[in-house]
Amino acid sequence: MTTVQVELPDVLAQSAQAAGLLTPQAMEAMLREQLKRQAGVALRAMWASAPPEELTPAIEQMIDEQVQAVRAQRRKQVAH
């Protein structure tokens, strides 16, 4: 496990604490959700920038394999 120290404005820290958002479980859930969002944004950007005629079934398969590999790695990290 890694310990992280974060500096926040007092009012924000107090509000977050009162809402139960500063617990390790809440912080982990928020970070995981943000990582999913960023991955989705990156994937959509990649799809938007690729010319449609270049998206062959082979390339789609390669993308699927990469996504599966990343998901498997994340599941392995969560298990530890």
PDB file of N, CA and C in Angstrom:
ATOM      1  N   MET A   1       0.833  -1.183   0.000  1.00  0.00           N
ATOM      2  CA  MET A   1       0.000   0.000   0.000  1.00  0.00           C
ATOM      3  C   MET A   1       0.876   1.245   0.000  1.00  0.00           C
ATOM      4  N   THR A   2       0.362   2.277  -0.607  1.00  0.00           N
ATOM      5  CA  THR A   2       1.051   3.558  -0.658  1.00  0.00           C
ATOM      6  C   THR A   2       0.263   4.575   0.155  1.00  0.00           C
ATOM      7  N   THR A   3       0.956   5.386   0.919  1.00  0.00           N
ATOM      8  CA  THR A   3       0.326   6.466   1.662  1.00  0.00           C
ATOM      9  C   THR A   3       0.494   7.740   0.859  1.00  0.00           C
ATOM     10  N   VAL A   4      -0.599   8.479   0.718  1.00  0.00           N
ATOM     11  CA  VAL A   4      -0.584   9.720  -0.052  1.00  0.00           C
ATOM     12  C   VAL A   4      -1.032  10.852   0.849  1.00  0.00           C
ATOM     13  N   GLN A   5      -0.298  11.948   0.817  1.00  0.00           N
ATOM     14  CA  GLN A   5      -0.669  13.140   1.585  1.00  0.00           C
ATOM     15  C   GLN A   5      -1.120  14.201   0.589  1.00  0.00           C
ATOM     16  N   VAL A   6      -2.291  14.782   0.843  1.00  0.00           N
ATOM     17  CA  VAL A   6      -2.867  15.765  -0.071  1.00  0.00           C
ATOM     18  C   VAL A   6      -3.166  17.040   0.695  1.00  0.00           C
ATOM     19  N   GLU A   7      -2.811  18.165   0.124  1.00  0.00           N
ATOM     20  CA  GLU A   7      -3.143  19.457   0.724  1.00  0.00           C
ATOM     21  C   GLU A   7      -4.397  19.994   0.049  1.00  0.00           C
ATOM     22  N   LEU A   8      -5.385  20.348   0.873  1.00  0.00           N
ATOM     23  CA  LEU A   8      -6.656  20.871   0.376  1.00  0.00           C
ATOM     24  C   LEU A   8      -7.000  22.140   1.138  1.00  0.00           C
ATOM     25  N   PRO A   9      -7.770  23.019   0.514  1.00  0.00           N
ATOM     26  CA  PRO A   9      -8.272  24.167   1.275  1.00  0.00           C
ATOM     27  C   PRO A   9      -9.090  23.655   2.467  1.00  0.00           C
ATOM     28  N   ASP A  10      -9.021  24.342   3.588  1.00  0.00           N
ATOM     29  CA  ASP A  10      -9.683  23.896   4.812  1.00  0.00           C
ATOM     30  C   ASP A  10     -11.170  23.620   4.608  1.00  0.00           C
ATOM     31  N   VAL A  11     -11.856  24.538   3.960  1.00  0.00           N
ATOM     32  CA  VAL A  11     -13.310  24.381   3.779  1.00  0.00           C
ATOM     33  C   VAL A  11     -13.610  23.123   2.959  1.00  0.00           C
ATOM     34  N   LEU A  12     -12.846  22.899   1.900  1.00  0.00           N
ATOM     35  CA  LEU A  12     -13.052  21.711   1.074  1.00  0.00           C
ATOM     36  C   LEU A  12     -12.774  20.445   1.877  1.00  0.00           C
ATOM     37  N   ALA A  13     -11.685  20.426   2.628  1.00  0.00           N
ATOM     38  CA  ALA A  13     -11.332  19.253   3.431  1.00  0.00           C
ATOM     39  C   ALA A  13     -12.416  18.969   4.469  1.00  0.00           C
ATOM     40  N   GLN A  14     -12.928  20.002   5.104  1.00  0.00           N
ATOM     41  CA  GLN A  14     -13.976  19.816   6.113  1.00  0.00           C
ATOM     42  C   GLN A  14     -15.257  19.278   5.484  1.00  0.00           C
ATOM     43  N   SER A  15     -15.620  19.818   4.335  1.00  0.00           N
ATOM     44  CA  SER A  15     -16.829  19.350   3.641  1.00  0.00           C
ATOM     45  C   SER A  15     -16.665  17.905   3.178  1.00  0.00           C
ATOM     46  N   ALA A  16     -15.505  17.599   2.629  1.00  0.00           N
ATOM     47  CA  ALA A  16     -15.243  16.240   2.165  1.00  0.00           C
ATOM     48  C   ALA A  16     -15.240  15.260   3.336  1.00  0.00           C
ATOM     49  N   GLN A  17     -14.650  15.664   4.446  1.00  0.00           N
ATOM     50  CA  GLN A  17     -14.622  14.811   5.638  1.00  0.00           C
ATOM     51  C   GLN A  17     -16.042  14.566   6.137  1.00  0.00           C
ATOM     52  N   ALA A  18     -16.843  15.619   6.207  1.00  0.00           N
ATOM     53  CA  ALA A  18     -18.223  15.498   6.680  1.00  0.00           C
ATOM     54  C   ALA A  18     -19.049  14.591   5.760  1.00  0.00           C
ATOM     55  N   ALA A  19     -18.727  14.588   4.470  1.00  0.00           N
ATOM     56  CA  ALA A  19     -19.448  13.753   3.506  1.00  0.00           C
ATOM     57  C   ALA A  19     -18.897  12.335   3.445  1.00  0.00           C
ATOM     58  N   GLY A  20     -17.852  12.050   4.213  1.00  0.00           N
ATOM     59  CA  GLY A  20     -17.277  10.711   4.220  1.00  0.00           C
ATOM     60  C   GLY A  20     -16.409  10.405   3.020  1.00  0.00           C
ATOM     61  N   LEU A  21     -15.920  11.439   2.361  1.00  0.00           N
ATOM     62  CA  LEU A  21     -15.143  11.243   1.132  1.00  0.00           C
ATOM     63  C   LEU A  21     -13.646  11.092   1.362  1.00  0.00           C
ATOM     64  N   LEU A  22     -13.178  11.236   2.584  1.00  0.00           N
ATOM     65  CA  LEU A  22     -11.741  11.144   2.832  1.00  0.00           C
ATOM     66  C   LEU A  22     -11.317   9.802   3.419  1.00  0.00           C
ATOM     67  N   THR A  23     -12.215   8.850   3.423  1.00  0.00           N
ATOM     68  CA  THR A  23     -11.849   7.511   3.888  1.00  0.00           C
ATOM     69  C   THR A  23     -11.033   6.824   2.797  1.00  0.00           C
ATOM     70  N   PRO A  24     -10.187   5.884   3.157  1.00  0.00           N
ATOM     71  CA  PRO A  24      -9.427   5.169   2.126  1.00  0.00           C
ATOM     72  C   PRO A  24     -10.331   4.512   1.081  1.00  0.00           C
ATOM     73  N   GLN A  25     -11.459   3.957   1.523  1.00  0.00           N
ATOM     74  CA  GLN A  25     -12.366   3.293   0.591  1.00  0.00           C
ATOM     75  C   GLN A  25     -12.993   4.293  -0.383  1.00  0.00           C
ATOM     76  N   ALA A  26     -13.416   5.436   0.125  1.00  0.00           N
ATOM     77  CA  ALA A  26     -14.026   6.453  -0.731  1.00  0.00           C
ATOM     78  C   ALA A  26     -13.004   7.024  -1.710  1.00  0.00           C
ATOM     79  N   MET A  27     -11.796   7.284  -1.220  1.00  0.00           N
ATOM     80  CA  MET A  27     -10.754   7.816  -2.096  1.00  0.00           C
ATOM     81  C   MET A  27     -10.415   6.812  -3.190  1.00  0.00           C
ATOM     82  N   GLU A  28     -10.301   5.536  -2.836  1.00  0.00           N
ATOM     83  CA  GLU A  28     -10.002   4.499  -3.826  1.00  0.00           C
ATOM     84  C   GLU A  28     -11.103   4.435  -4.881  1.00  0.00           C
ATOM     85  N   ALA A  29     -12.362   4.457  -4.442  1.00  0.00           N
ATOM     86  CA  ALA A  29     -13.480   4.396  -5.389  1.00  0.00           C
ATOM     87  C   ALA A  29     -13.469   5.599  -6.333  1.00  0.00           C
ATOM     88  N   MET A  30     -13.217   6.789  -5.787  1.00  0.00           N
ATOM     89  CA  MET A  30     -13.183   7.992  -6.631  1.00  0.00           C
ATOM     90  C   MET A  30     -12.038   7.937  -7.638  1.00  0.00           C
ATOM     91  N   LEU A  31     -10.874   7.488  -7.199  1.00  0.00           N
ATOM     92  CA  LEU A  31      -9.728   7.409  -8.103  1.00  0.00           C
ATOM     93  C   LEU A  31      -9.961   6.370  -9.199  1.00  0.00           C
ATOM     94  N   ARG A  32     -10.512   5.222  -8.832  1.00  0.00           N
ATOM     95  CA  ARG A  32     -10.808   4.197  -9.839  1.00  0.00           C
ATOM     96  C   ARG A  32     -11.812   4.712 -10.872  1.00  0.00           C
ATOM     97  N   GLU A  33     -12.844   5.405 -10.397  1.00  0.00           N
ATOM     98  CA  GLU A  33     -13.854   5.950 -11.303  1.00  0.00           C
ATOM     99  C   GLU A  33     -13.236   6.977 -12.250  1.00  0.00           C
ATOM    100  N   GLN A  34     -12.382   7.829 -11.727  1.00  0.00           N
ATOM    101  CA  GLN A  34     -11.732   8.831 -12.571  1.00  0.00           C
ATOM    102  C   GLN A  34     -10.812   8.170 -13.595  1.00  0.00           C
ATOM    103  N   LEU A  35     -10.102   7.131 -13.204  1.00  0.00           N
ATOM    104  CA  LEU A  35      -9.241   6.415 -14.153  1.00  0.00           C
ATOM    105  C   LEU A  35     -10.066   5.788 -15.268  1.00  0.00           C
ATOM    106  N   LYS A  36     -11.236   5.253 -14.938  1.00  0.00           N
ATOM    107  CA  LYS A  36     -12.134   4.692 -15.965  1.00  0.00           C
ATOM    108  C   LYS A  36     -12.583   5.784 -16.921  1.00  0.00           C
ATOM    109  N   ARG A  37     -12.957   6.938 -16.356  1.00  0.00           N
ATOM    110  CA  ARG A  37     -13.400   8.053 -17.214  1.00  0.00           C
ATOM    111  C   ARG A  37     -12.288   8.477 -18.169  1.00  0.00           C
ATOM    112  N   GLN A  38     -11.076   8.621 -17.626  1.00  0.00           N
ATOM    113  CA  GLN A  38      -9.964   9.043 -18.472  1.00  0.00           C
ATOM    114  C   GLN A  38      -9.663   8.017 -19.559  1.00  0.00           C
ATOM    115  N   ALA A  39      -9.750   6.740 -19.217  1.00  0.00           N
ATOM    116  CA  ALA A  39      -9.525   5.694 -20.220  1.00  0.00           C
ATOM    117  C   ALA A  39     -10.594   5.773 -21.307  1.00  0.00           C
ATOM    118  N   GLY A  40     -11.838   6.022 -20.898  1.00  0.00           N
ATOM    119  CA  GLY A  40     -12.925   6.160 -21.873  1.00  0.00           C
ATOM    120  C   GLY A  40     -12.721   7.360 -22.778  1.00  0.00           C
ATOM    121  N   VAL A  41     -12.303   8.470 -22.205  1.00  0.00           N
ATOM    122  CA  VAL A  41     -12.036   9.677 -23.000  1.00  0.00           C
ATOM    123  C   VAL A  41     -10.908   9.403 -23.999  1.00  0.00           C
ATOM    124  N   ALA A  42      -9.851   8.748 -23.535  1.00  0.00           N
ATOM    125  CA  ALA A  42      -8.723   8.442 -24.424  1.00  0.00           C
ATOM    126  C   ALA A  42      -9.148   7.501 -25.543  1.00  0.00           C
ATOM    127  N   LEU A  43      -9.962   6.511 -25.219  1.00  0.00           N
ATOM    128  CA  LEU A  43     -10.427   5.569 -26.239  1.00  0.00           C
ATOM    129  C   LEU A  43     -11.315   6.270 -27.262  1.00  0.00           C
ATOM    130  N   ARG A  44     -12.231   7.120 -26.777  1.00  0.00           N
ATOM    131  CA  ARG A  44     -13.089   7.859 -27.718  1.00  0.00           C
ATOM    132  C   ARG A  44     -12.262   8.784 -28.607  1.00  0.00           C
ATOM    133  N   ALA A  45     -11.245   9.420 -28.046  1.00  0.00           N
ATOM    134  CA  ALA A  45     -10.382  10.297 -28.835  1.00  0.00           C
ATOM    135  C   ALA A  45      -9.635   9.496 -29.899  1.00  0.00           C
ATOM    136  N   MET A  46      -9.169   8.306 -29.510  1.00  0.00           N
ATOM    137  CA  MET A  46      -8.468   7.459 -30.469  1.00  0.00           C
ATOM    138  C   MET A  46      -9.401   7.061 -31.609  1.00  0.00           C
ATOM    139  N   TRP A  47     -10.617   6.653 -31.253  1.00  0.00           N
ATOM    140  CA  TRP A  47     -11.578   6.261 -32.290  1.00  0.00           C
ATOM    141  C   TRP A  47     -11.932   7.450 -33.179  1.00  0.00           C
ATOM    142  N   ALA A  48     -12.092   8.623 -32.587  1.00  0.00           N
ATOM    143  CA  ALA A  48     -12.469   9.812 -33.363  1.00  0.00           C
ATOM    144  C   ALA A  48     -11.361  10.243 -34.310  1.00  0.00           C
ATOM    145  N   SER A  49     -10.111  10.032 -33.922  1.00  0.00           N
ATOM    146  CA  SER A  49      -9.002  10.485 -34.754  1.00  0.00           C
ATOM    147  C   SER A  49      -8.626   9.488 -35.847  1.00  0.00           C
ATOM    148  N   ALA A  50      -9.078   8.256 -35.706  1.00  0.00           N
ATOM    149  CA  ALA A  50      -8.727   7.240 -36.711  1.00  0.00           C
ATOM    150  C   ALA A  50      -9.680   7.332 -37.893  1.00  0.00           C
ATOM    151  N   PRO A  51      -9.137   7.370 -39.088  1.00  0.00           N
ATOM    152  CA  PRO A  51     -10.008   7.367 -40.272  1.00  0.00           C
ATOM    153  C   PRO A  51     -10.809   6.067 -40.312  1.00  0.00           C
ATOM    154  N   PRO A  52     -12.098   6.152 -40.606  1.00  0.00           N
ATOM    155  CA  PRO A  52     -12.955   4.964 -40.589  1.00  0.00           C
ATOM    156  C   PRO A  52     -12.444   3.825 -41.487  1.00  0.00           C
ATOM    157  N   GLU A  53     -11.869   4.152 -42.635  1.00  0.00           N
ATOM    158  CA  GLU A  53     -11.417   3.102 -43.542  1.00  0.00           C
ATOM    159  C   GLU A  53     -10.207   2.333 -43.003  1.00  0.00           C
ATOM    160  N   GLU A  54      -9.527   2.887 -42.012  1.00  0.00           N
ATOM    161  CA  GLU A  54      -8.371   2.204 -41.454  1.00  0.00           C
ATOM    162  C   GLU A  54      -8.734   1.293 -40.280  1.00  0.00           C
ATOM    163  N   LEU A  55      -9.974   1.333 -39.837  1.00  0.00           N
ATOM    164  CA  LEU A  55     -10.407   0.514 -38.713  1.00  0.00           C
ATOM    165  C   LEU A  55     -10.872  -0.841 -39.238  1.00  0.00           C
ATOM    166  N   THR A  56      -9.916  -1.676 -39.480  1.00  0.00           N
ATOM    167  CA  THR A  56     -10.196  -3.011 -40.001  1.00  0.00           C
ATOM    168  C   THR A  56     -10.569  -3.949 -38.858  1.00  0.00           C
ATOM    169  N   PRO A  57     -11.154  -5.082 -39.170  1.00  0.00           N
ATOM    170  CA  PRO A  57     -11.445  -6.068 -38.123  1.00  0.00           C
ATOM    171  C   PRO A  57     -10.191  -6.478 -37.346  1.00  0.00           C
ATOM    172  N   ALA A  58      -9.056  -6.551 -38.012  1.00  0.00           N
ATOM    173  CA  ALA A  58      -7.817  -6.915 -37.330  1.00  0.00           C
ATOM    174  C   ALA A  58      -7.425  -5.856 -36.301  1.00  0.00           C
ATOM    175  N   ILE A  59      -7.585  -4.589 -36.658  1.00  0.00           N
ATOM    176  CA  ILE A  59      -7.259  -3.508 -35.734  1.00  0.00           C
ATOM    177  C   ILE A  59      -8.247  -3.514 -34.569  1.00  0.00           C
ATOM    178  N   GLU A  60      -9.530  -3.737 -34.867  1.00  0.00           N
ATOM    179  CA  GLU A  60     -10.522  -3.812 -33.801  1.00  0.00           C
ATOM    180  C   GLU A  60     -10.189  -4.943 -32.832  1.00  0.00           C
ATOM    181  N   GLN A  61      -9.755  -6.086 -33.353  1.00  0.00           N
ATOM    182  CA  GLN A  61      -9.366  -7.220 -32.525  1.00  0.00           C
ATOM    183  C   GLN A  61      -8.175  -6.852 -31.651  1.00  0.00           C
ATOM    184  N   MET A  62      -7.207  -6.156 -32.223  1.00  0.00           N
ATOM    185  CA  MET A  62      -6.025  -5.746 -31.478  1.00  0.00           C
ATOM    186  C   MET A  62      -6.421  -4.800 -30.329  1.00  0.00           C
ATOM    187  N   ILE A  63      -7.334  -3.883 -30.596  1.00  0.00           N
ATOM    188  CA  ILE A  63      -7.808  -2.961 -29.563  1.00  0.00           C
ATOM    189  C   ILE A  63      -8.515  -3.746 -28.457  1.00  0.00           C
ATOM    190  N   ASP A  64      -9.372  -4.668 -28.854  1.00  0.00           N
ATOM    191  CA  ASP A  64     -10.072  -5.493 -27.871  1.00  0.00           C
ATOM    192  C   ASP A  64      -9.089  -6.255 -26.991  1.00  0.00           C
ATOM    193  N   GLU A  65      -8.047  -6.799 -27.589  1.00  0.00           N
ATOM    194  CA  GLU A  65      -7.046  -7.551 -26.826  1.00  0.00           C
ATOM    195  C   GLU A  65      -6.316  -6.641 -25.838  1.00  0.00           C
ATOM    196  N   GLN A  66      -6.004  -5.424 -26.268  1.00  0.00           N
ATOM    197  CA  GLN A  66      -5.329  -4.483 -25.376  1.00  0.00           C
ATOM    198  C   GLN A  66      -6.226  -4.099 -24.204  1.00  0.00           C
ATOM    199  N   VAL A  67      -7.501  -3.856 -24.491  1.00  0.00           N
ATOM    200  CA  VAL A  67      -8.444  -3.511 -23.434  1.00  0.00           C
ATOM    201  C   VAL A  67      -8.567  -4.666 -22.446  1.00  0.00           C
ATOM    202  N   GLN A  68      -8.672  -5.874 -22.952  1.00  0.00           N
ATOM    203  CA  GLN A  68      -8.762  -7.050 -22.079  1.00  0.00           C
ATOM    204  C   GLN A  68      -7.499  -7.198 -21.232  1.00  0.00           C
ATOM    205  N   ALA A  69      -6.349  -6.933 -21.803  1.00  0.00           N
ATOM    206  CA  ALA A  69      -5.087  -7.045 -21.070  1.00  0.00           C
ATOM    207  C   ALA A  69      -5.023  -6.021 -19.940  1.00  0.00           C
ATOM    208  N   VAL A  70      -5.452  -4.797 -20.217  1.00  0.00           N
ATOM    209  CA  VAL A  70      -5.451  -3.750 -19.190  1.00  0.00           C
ATOM    210  C   VAL A  70      -6.421  -4.119 -18.077  1.00  0.00           C
ATOM    211  N   ARG A  71      -7.595  -4.602 -18.451  1.00  0.00           N
ATOM    212  CA  ARG A  71      -8.580  -4.997 -17.439  1.00  0.00           C
ATOM    213  C   ARG A  71      -8.055  -6.139 -16.577  1.00  0.00           C
ATOM    214  N   ALA A  72      -7.402  -7.112 -17.202  1.00  0.00           N
ATOM    215  CA  ALA A  72      -6.841  -8.238 -16.452  1.00  0.00           C
ATOM    216  C   ALA A  72      -5.772  -7.756 -15.485  1.00  0.00           C
ATOM    217  N   GLN A  73      -4.946  -6.822 -15.929  1.00  0.00           N
ATOM    218  CA  GLN A  73      -3.892  -6.278 -15.067  1.00  0.00           C
ATOM    219  C   GLN A  73      -4.509  -5.553 -13.882  1.00  0.00           C
ATOM    220  N   ARG A  74      -5.556  -4.777 -14.116  1.00  0.00           N
ATOM    221  CA  ARG A  74      -6.207  -4.057 -13.024  1.00  0.00           C
ATOM    222  C   ARG A  74      -6.859  -5.009 -12.043  1.00  0.00           C
ATOM    223  N   ARG A  75      -7.491  -6.080 -12.557  1.00  0.00           N
ATOM    224  CA  ARG A  75      -8.084  -7.074 -11.656  1.00  0.00           C
ATOM    225  C   ARG A  75      -7.010  -7.722 -10.797  1.00  0.00           C
ATOM    226  N   LYS A  76      -5.846  -7.980 -11.389  1.00  0.00           N
ATOM    227  CA  LYS A  76      -4.738  -8.594 -10.655  1.00  0.00           C
ATOM    228  C   LYS A  76      -4.249  -7.643  -9.559  1.00  0.00           C
ATOM    229  N   GLN A  77      -4.181  -6.341  -9.864  1.00  0.00           N
ATOM    230  CA  GLN A  77      -3.725  -5.361  -8.877  1.00  0.00           C
ATOM    231  C   GLN A  77      -4.731  -5.241  -7.734  1.00  0.00           C
ATOM    232  N   VAL A  78      -5.996  -5.304  -8.054  1.00  0.00           N
ATOM    233  CA  VAL A  78      -7.040  -5.192  -7.026  1.00  0.00           C
ATOM    234  C   VAL A  78      -6.992  -6.405  -6.112  1.00  0.00           C
ATOM    235  N   ALA A  79      -6.668  -7.570  -6.648  1.00  0.00           N
ATOM    236  CA  ALA A  79      -6.624  -8.800  -5.874  1.00  0.00           C
ATOM    237  C   ALA A  79      -5.485  -8.783  -4.861  1.00  0.00           C
ATOM    238  N   HIS A  80      -4.488  -7.982  -5.089  1.00  0.00           N
ATOM    239  CA  HIS A  80      -3.337  -7.926  -4.175  1.00  0.00           C
ATOM    240  C   HIS A  80      -3.598  -6.917  -3.169  1.00  0.00           C
TER     241      HIS A  80
END
